[in-house]
């Protein structure tokens, strides 16, 4: 049943093209349901202006994660439309969706780390010989993880262990935040990304 449920928009073998986000994201009468009986979101309308910092707060099951998935182009509305800079986000256009996703960085609640070093985990997906180490240090400083990394035996080349086994929950989250900043994304989505951190 799960495999047959086509709720995620899949994009394969499409190289993103340059996309500039200029003004705002708009939800117009957006509804979404995971099955035909229960609507998680019903007739939602709002604007997110570029440069704003917006928080979605609500009880478990109130639709926060669904809104995030819609914003990131992982789900398509069942009803209504999402607009970016006044143009509809056409989920039937795989190239447009790939372009849109390419400008978004997402820091999830659970951070995935590869069994490599700090630098490769922060610059995830970048070949090692192309990693900008100065940039890695800058984003590590912003995420308040630089001192910890640089105090380790091999610094940024120190292994994080399988799935970050050597790190605390807060340290994992800081690595995830540094990773999202490394990409210079135009839109940053944080899904309870500081839940394991102190004030």
C-alpha atoms as a PDB file:
ATOM      1  CA  UNK A   1       0.000   0.000   0.000  1.00  0.00           C
ATOM      2  CA  UNK A   2       2.811   2.400   0.881  1.00  0.00           C
ATOM      3  CA  UNK A   3       4.629   1.737  -2.397  1.00  0.00           C
ATOM      4  CA  UNK A   4       1.418   2.308  -4.333  1.00  0.00           C
ATOM      5  CA  UNK A   5       0.643   5.591  -2.594  1.00  0.00           C
ATOM      6  CA  UNK A   6       2.067   8.239  -4.921  1.00  0.00           C
ATOM      7  CA  UNK A   7       2.217  11.041  -2.365  1.00  0.00           C
ATOM      8  CA  UNK A   8       5.818  12.073  -2.968  1.00  0.00           C
ATOM      9  CA  UNK A   9       6.874  13.897  -6.102  1.00  0.00           C
ATOM     10  CA  UNK A  10       9.784  11.904  -7.536  1.00  0.00           C
ATOM     11  CA  UNK A  11      12.444  13.498  -9.711  1.00  0.00           C
ATOM     12  CA  UNK A  12      15.155  11.353 -11.228  1.00  0.00           C
ATOM     13  CA  UNK A  13      18.092  12.265 -13.451  1.00  0.00           C
ATOM     14  CA  UNK A  14      17.134  15.931 -13.735  1.00  0.00           C
ATOM     15  CA  UNK A  15      19.926  18.448 -13.269  1.00  0.00           C
ATOM     16  CA  UNK A  16      18.662  21.618 -11.555  1.00  0.00           C
ATOM     17  CA  UNK A  17      18.983  24.872 -13.451  1.00  0.00           C
ATOM     18  CA  UNK A  18      19.583  28.300 -11.960  1.00  0.00           C
ATOM     19  CA  UNK A  19      16.547  29.538 -10.018  1.00  0.00           C
ATOM     20  CA  UNK A  20      16.310  32.891  -8.227  1.00  0.00           C
ATOM     21  CA  UNK A  21      13.721  33.387  -5.486  1.00  0.00           C
ATOM     22  CA  UNK A  22      12.849  37.098  -5.475  1.00  0.00           C
ATOM     23  CA  UNK A  23       9.741  37.946  -3.494  1.00  0.00           C
ATOM     24  CA  UNK A  24       7.354  35.493  -1.838  1.00  0.00           C
ATOM     25  CA  UNK A  25       5.806  32.052  -1.561  1.00  0.00           C
ATOM     26  CA  UNK A  26       2.005  32.048  -1.503  1.00  0.00           C
ATOM     27  CA  UNK A  27      -0.434  29.326  -0.513  1.00  0.00           C
ATOM     28  CA  UNK A  28      -3.836  29.875  -2.140  1.00  0.00           C
ATOM     29  CA  UNK A  29      -6.701  27.693  -0.910  1.00  0.00           C
ATOM     30  CA  UNK A  30      -4.314  24.758  -0.367  1.00  0.00           C
ATOM     31  CA  UNK A  31      -5.739  21.504   0.956  1.00  0.00           C
ATOM     32  CA  UNK A  32      -4.014  18.196   1.483  1.00  0.00           C
ATOM     33  CA  UNK A  33      -5.095  14.737   2.612  1.00  0.00           C
ATOM     34  CA  UNK A  34      -3.114  11.512   2.875  1.00  0.00           C
ATOM     35  CA  UNK A  35      -6.268   9.554   2.143  1.00  0.00           C
ATOM     36  CA  UNK A  36      -9.683  10.450   0.820  1.00  0.00           C
ATOM     37  CA  UNK A  37     -11.350  10.750   4.232  1.00  0.00           C
ATOM     38  CA  UNK A  38      -9.250  13.051   6.406  1.00  0.00           C
ATOM     39  CA  UNK A  39      -7.908  16.444   5.334  1.00  0.00           C
ATOM     40  CA  UNK A  40      -4.712  17.361   7.181  1.00  0.00           C
ATOM     41  CA  UNK A  41      -4.854  20.861   5.696  1.00  0.00           C
ATOM     42  CA  UNK A  42      -8.044  22.559   4.576  1.00  0.00           C
ATOM     43  CA  UNK A  43      -8.144  25.732   2.479  1.00  0.00           C
ATOM     44  CA  UNK A  44      -4.842  27.213   3.756  1.00  0.00           C
ATOM     45  CA  UNK A  45      -3.870  30.746   2.658  1.00  0.00           C
ATOM     46  CA  UNK A  46      -0.699  32.646   3.586  1.00  0.00           C
ATOM     47  CA  UNK A  47       2.318  34.470   2.160  1.00  0.00           C
ATOM     48  CA  UNK A  48       5.961  33.920   3.147  1.00  0.00           C
ATOM     49  CA  UNK A  49       8.054  36.933   2.190  1.00  0.00           C
ATOM     50  CA  UNK A  50      11.716  36.578   1.274  1.00  0.00           C
ATOM     51  CA  UNK A  51      13.858  37.488   4.277  1.00  0.00           C
ATOM     52  CA  UNK A  52      11.188  36.640   6.853  1.00  0.00           C
ATOM     53  CA  UNK A  53      11.729  34.144   9.633  1.00  0.00           C
ATOM     54  CA  UNK A  54       8.483  32.192  10.087  1.00  0.00           C
ATOM     55  CA  UNK A  55       7.653  29.571  12.695  1.00  0.00           C
ATOM     56  CA  UNK A  56       4.865  27.009  12.438  1.00  0.00           C
ATOM     57  CA  UNK A  57       3.623  25.977  15.872  1.00  0.00           C
ATOM     58  CA  UNK A  58       0.936  23.420  16.656  1.00  0.00           C
ATOM     59  CA  UNK A  59       0.049  20.091  18.167  1.00  0.00           C
ATOM     60  CA  UNK A  60       1.274  16.781  16.816  1.00  0.00           C
ATOM     61  CA  UNK A  61      -0.726  15.934  13.702  1.00  0.00           C
ATOM     62  CA  UNK A  62      -1.794  19.522  13.046  1.00  0.00           C
ATOM     63  CA  UNK A  63      -0.088  19.621   9.619  1.00  0.00           C
ATOM     64  CA  UNK A  64       3.252  21.347  10.302  1.00  0.00           C
ATOM     65  CA  UNK A  65       5.357  18.711   8.543  1.00  0.00           C
ATOM     66  CA  UNK A  66       2.854  18.542   5.695  1.00  0.00           C
ATOM     67  CA  UNK A  67       3.175  22.294   5.138  1.00  0.00           C
ATOM     68  CA  UNK A  68       6.975  21.924   5.131  1.00  0.00           C
ATOM     69  CA  UNK A  69       6.768  19.109   2.561  1.00  0.00           C
ATOM     70  CA  UNK A  70       4.460  21.242   0.396  1.00  0.00           C
ATOM     71  CA  UNK A  71       6.796  24.242   0.596  1.00  0.00           C
ATOM     72  CA  UNK A  72       9.778  22.080  -0.385  1.00  0.00           C
ATOM     73  CA  UNK A  73       7.946  20.546  -3.342  1.00  0.00           C
ATOM     74  CA  UNK A  74       7.904  17.047  -1.851  1.00  0.00           C
ATOM     75  CA  UNK A  75       4.104  16.962  -1.854  1.00  0.00           C
ATOM     76  CA  UNK A  76       1.653  18.454  -4.339  1.00  0.00           C
ATOM     77  CA  UNK A  77      -1.559  20.072  -3.038  1.00  0.00           C
ATOM     78  CA  UNK A  78      -4.737  18.043  -3.509  1.00  0.00           C
ATOM     79  CA  UNK A  79      -6.591  21.334  -3.971  1.00  0.00           C
ATOM     80  CA  UNK A  80      -5.426  24.915  -4.449  1.00  0.00           C
ATOM     81  CA  UNK A  81      -2.045  26.149  -5.615  1.00  0.00           C
ATOM     82  CA  UNK A  82       1.357  27.242  -4.374  1.00  0.00           C
ATOM     83  CA  UNK A  83       2.860  30.297  -6.046  1.00  0.00           C
ATOM     84  CA  UNK A  84       6.496  31.409  -6.120  1.00  0.00           C
ATOM     85  CA  UNK A  85       6.966  35.056  -7.087  1.00  0.00           C
ATOM     86  CA  UNK A  86       3.466  35.070  -8.569  1.00  0.00           C
ATOM     87  CA  UNK A  87       4.012  31.994 -10.765  1.00  0.00           C
ATOM     88  CA  UNK A  88       2.288  28.724  -9.943  1.00  0.00           C
ATOM     89  CA  UNK A  89       4.552  25.916  -8.712  1.00  0.00           C
ATOM     90  CA  UNK A  90       3.584  23.406 -11.404  1.00  0.00           C
ATOM     91  CA  UNK A  91       4.048  19.903 -10.002  1.00  0.00           C
ATOM     92  CA  UNK A  92       3.569  18.468 -13.489  1.00  0.00           C
ATOM     93  CA  UNK A  93       6.837  20.171 -14.516  1.00  0.00           C
ATOM     94  CA  UNK A  94       9.711  18.026 -13.155  1.00  0.00           C
ATOM     95  CA  UNK A  95      12.371  20.533 -14.236  1.00  0.00           C
ATOM     96  CA  UNK A  96      10.656  23.367 -12.353  1.00  0.00           C
ATOM     97  CA  UNK A  97      10.309  21.230  -9.222  1.00  0.00           C
ATOM     98  CA  UNK A  98      13.989  20.186  -9.431  1.00  0.00           C
ATOM     99  CA  UNK A  99      14.984  23.854  -9.799  1.00  0.00           C
ATOM    100  CA  UNK A 100      12.808  24.827  -6.817  1.00  0.00           C
ATOM    101  CA  UNK A 101      14.138  22.083  -4.564  1.00  0.00           C
ATOM    102  CA  UNK A 102      17.714  23.019  -5.431  1.00  0.00           C
ATOM    103  CA  UNK A 103      17.449  26.392  -3.642  1.00  0.00           C
ATOM    104  CA  UNK A 104      16.145  24.930  -0.360  1.00  0.00           C
ATOM    105  CA  UNK A 105      18.158  23.491   2.524  1.00  0.00           C
ATOM    106  CA  UNK A 106      16.314  21.361   5.054  1.00  0.00           C
ATOM    107  CA  UNK A 107      17.565  20.577   8.546  1.00  0.00           C
ATOM    108  CA  UNK A 108      15.449  17.637   9.772  1.00  0.00           C
ATOM    109  CA  UNK A 109      14.912  16.495  13.349  1.00  0.00           C
ATOM    110  CA  UNK A 110      17.130  13.464  12.733  1.00  0.00           C
ATOM    111  CA  UNK A 111      20.451  14.368  11.085  1.00  0.00           C
ATOM    112  CA  UNK A 112      22.006  11.798   8.746  1.00  0.00           C
ATOM    113  CA  UNK A 113      25.795  11.572   8.854  1.00  0.00           C
ATOM    114  CA  UNK A 114      28.029   9.453   6.650  1.00  0.00           C
ATOM    115  CA  UNK A 115      30.884   7.464   8.172  1.00  0.00           C
ATOM    116  CA  UNK A 116      33.467  10.006   7.032  1.00  0.00           C
ATOM    117  CA  UNK A 117      34.964  13.149   8.559  1.00  0.00           C
ATOM    118  CA  UNK A 118      33.479  16.439   9.735  1.00  0.00           C
ATOM    119  CA  UNK A 119      34.402  18.357   6.580  1.00  0.00           C
ATOM    120  CA  UNK A 120      32.765  15.811   4.262  1.00  0.00           C
ATOM    121  CA  UNK A 121      29.626  15.707   6.394  1.00  0.00           C
ATOM    122  CA  UNK A 122      29.305  19.491   6.441  1.00  0.00           C
ATOM    123  CA  UNK A 123      29.944  19.783   2.684  1.00  0.00           C
ATOM    124  CA  UNK A 124      27.834  16.691   1.983  1.00  0.00           C
ATOM    125  CA  UNK A 125      27.817  15.710  -1.687  1.00  0.00           C
ATOM    126  CA  UNK A 126      30.867  17.785  -2.605  1.00  0.00           C
ATOM    127  CA  UNK A 127      33.924  15.767  -3.731  1.00  0.00           C
ATOM    128  CA  UNK A 128      36.607  15.973  -1.041  1.00  0.00           C
ATOM    129  CA  UNK A 129      39.123  17.770  -3.286  1.00  0.00           C
ATOM    130  CA  UNK A 130      36.511  20.479  -4.035  1.00  0.00           C
ATOM    131  CA  UNK A 131      35.505  21.255  -0.438  1.00  0.00           C
ATOM    132  CA  UNK A 132      36.085  24.879   0.554  1.00  0.00           C
ATOM    133  CA  UNK A 133      37.684  24.389   3.971  1.00  0.00           C
ATOM    134  CA  UNK A 134      37.501  28.091   4.825  1.00  0.00           C
ATOM    135  CA  UNK A 135      33.750  27.979   4.224  1.00  0.00           C
ATOM    136  CA  UNK A 136      33.471  24.818   6.339  1.00  0.00           C
ATOM    137  CA  UNK A 137      35.163  26.689   9.206  1.00  0.00           C
ATOM    138  CA  UNK A 138      32.887  29.734   8.811  1.00  0.00           C
ATOM    139  CA  UNK A 139      29.639  27.733   8.893  1.00  0.00           C
ATOM    140  CA  UNK A 140      30.990  25.632  11.790  1.00  0.00           C
ATOM    141  CA  UNK A 141      31.557  28.853  13.720  1.00  0.00           C
ATOM    142  CA  UNK A 142      28.012  30.048  12.991  1.00  0.00           C
ATOM    143  CA  UNK A 143      26.595  26.683  14.123  1.00  0.00           C
ATOM    144  CA  UNK A 144      28.755  26.854  17.284  1.00  0.00           C
ATOM    145  CA  UNK A 145      30.502  23.548  16.559  1.00  0.00           C
ATOM    146  CA  UNK A 146      33.898  24.875  15.388  1.00  0.00           C
ATOM    147  CA  UNK A 147      35.643  24.751  18.769  1.00  0.00           C
ATOM    148  CA  UNK A 148      34.492  21.176  19.334  1.00  0.00           C
ATOM    149  CA  UNK A 149      35.666  20.027  15.883  1.00  0.00           C
ATOM    150  CA  UNK A 150      39.012  21.797  16.111  1.00  0.00           C
ATOM    151  CA  UNK A 151      39.678  20.289  19.554  1.00  0.00           C
ATOM    152  CA  UNK A 152      39.412  16.759  18.131  1.00  0.00           C
ATOM    153  CA  UNK A 153      42.608  14.902  17.231  1.00  0.00           C
ATOM    154  CA  UNK A 154      42.438  15.445  13.463  1.00  0.00           C
ATOM    155  CA  UNK A 155      40.179  18.494  13.420  1.00  0.00           C
ATOM    156  CA  UNK A 156      37.918  18.636  10.356  1.00  0.00           C
ATOM    157  CA  UNK A 157      39.422  15.370   9.094  1.00  0.00           C
ATOM    158  CA  UNK A 158      38.400  13.500  12.250  1.00  0.00           C
ATOM    159  CA  UNK A 159      35.952  10.634  11.694  1.00  0.00           C
ATOM    160  CA  UNK A 160      32.437  11.149  13.048  1.00  0.00           C
ATOM    161  CA  UNK A 161      31.862   7.394  13.387  1.00  0.00           C
ATOM    162  CA  UNK A 162      29.003   5.433  11.871  1.00  0.00           C
ATOM    163  CA  UNK A 163      25.861   7.622  11.851  1.00  0.00           C
ATOM    164  CA  UNK A 164      27.692  10.085  14.104  1.00  0.00           C
ATOM    165  CA  UNK A 165      27.895   7.593  16.978  1.00  0.00           C
ATOM    166  CA  UNK A 166      30.668   9.643  18.613  1.00  0.00           C
ATOM    167  CA  UNK A 167      28.509  12.784  18.823  1.00  0.00           C
ATOM    168  CA  UNK A 168      25.762  13.967  21.148  1.00  0.00           C
ATOM    169  CA  UNK A 169      22.320  14.870  19.820  1.00  0.00           C
ATOM    170  CA  UNK A 170      23.126  18.560  20.032  1.00  0.00           C
ATOM    171  CA  UNK A 171      26.412  18.130  18.181  1.00  0.00           C
ATOM    172  CA  UNK A 172      24.640  16.185  15.440  1.00  0.00           C
ATOM    173  CA  UNK A 173      22.150  19.008  15.048  1.00  0.00           C
ATOM    174  CA  UNK A 174      24.921  21.596  14.861  1.00  0.00           C
ATOM    175  CA  UNK A 175      26.580  19.598  12.064  1.00  0.00           C
ATOM    176  CA  UNK A 176      23.224  19.567  10.248  1.00  0.00           C
ATOM    177  CA  UNK A 177      22.859  23.340  10.641  1.00  0.00           C
ATOM    178  CA  UNK A 178      26.420  23.931   9.404  1.00  0.00           C
ATOM    179  CA  UNK A 179      25.680  21.679   6.410  1.00  0.00           C
ATOM    180  CA  UNK A 180      22.592  23.673   5.463  1.00  0.00           C
ATOM    181  CA  UNK A 181      24.550  26.937   5.685  1.00  0.00           C
ATOM    182  CA  UNK A 182      27.413  25.582   3.559  1.00  0.00           C
ATOM    183  CA  UNK A 183      25.062  25.347   0.576  1.00  0.00           C
ATOM    184  CA  UNK A 184      24.191  29.083   0.613  1.00  0.00           C
ATOM    185  CA  UNK A 185      20.582  28.101  -0.038  1.00  0.00           C
ATOM    186  CA  UNK A 186      18.012  30.822  -0.676  1.00  0.00           C
ATOM    187  CA  UNK A 187      15.469  29.140   1.628  1.00  0.00           C
ATOM    188  CA  UNK A 188      16.270  27.417   4.915  1.00  0.00           C
ATOM    189  CA  UNK A 189      13.770  25.003   6.486  1.00  0.00           C
ATOM    190  CA  UNK A 190      14.418  23.960  10.090  1.00  0.00           C
ATOM    191  CA  UNK A 191      12.253  21.102  11.371  1.00  0.00           C
ATOM    192  CA  UNK A 192      12.786  21.300  15.157  1.00  0.00           C
ATOM    193  CA  UNK A 193      16.463  21.532  14.283  1.00  0.00           C
ATOM    194  CA  UNK A 194      17.433  22.932  17.692  1.00  0.00           C
ATOM    195  CA  UNK A 195      15.420  20.577  19.903  1.00  0.00           C
ATOM    196  CA  UNK A 196      18.580  19.028  21.387  1.00  0.00           C
ATOM    197  CA  UNK A 197      20.360  22.349  21.927  1.00  0.00           C
ATOM    198  CA  UNK A 198      20.423  24.623  24.947  1.00  0.00           C
ATOM    199  CA  UNK A 199      19.172  28.208  24.699  1.00  0.00           C
END
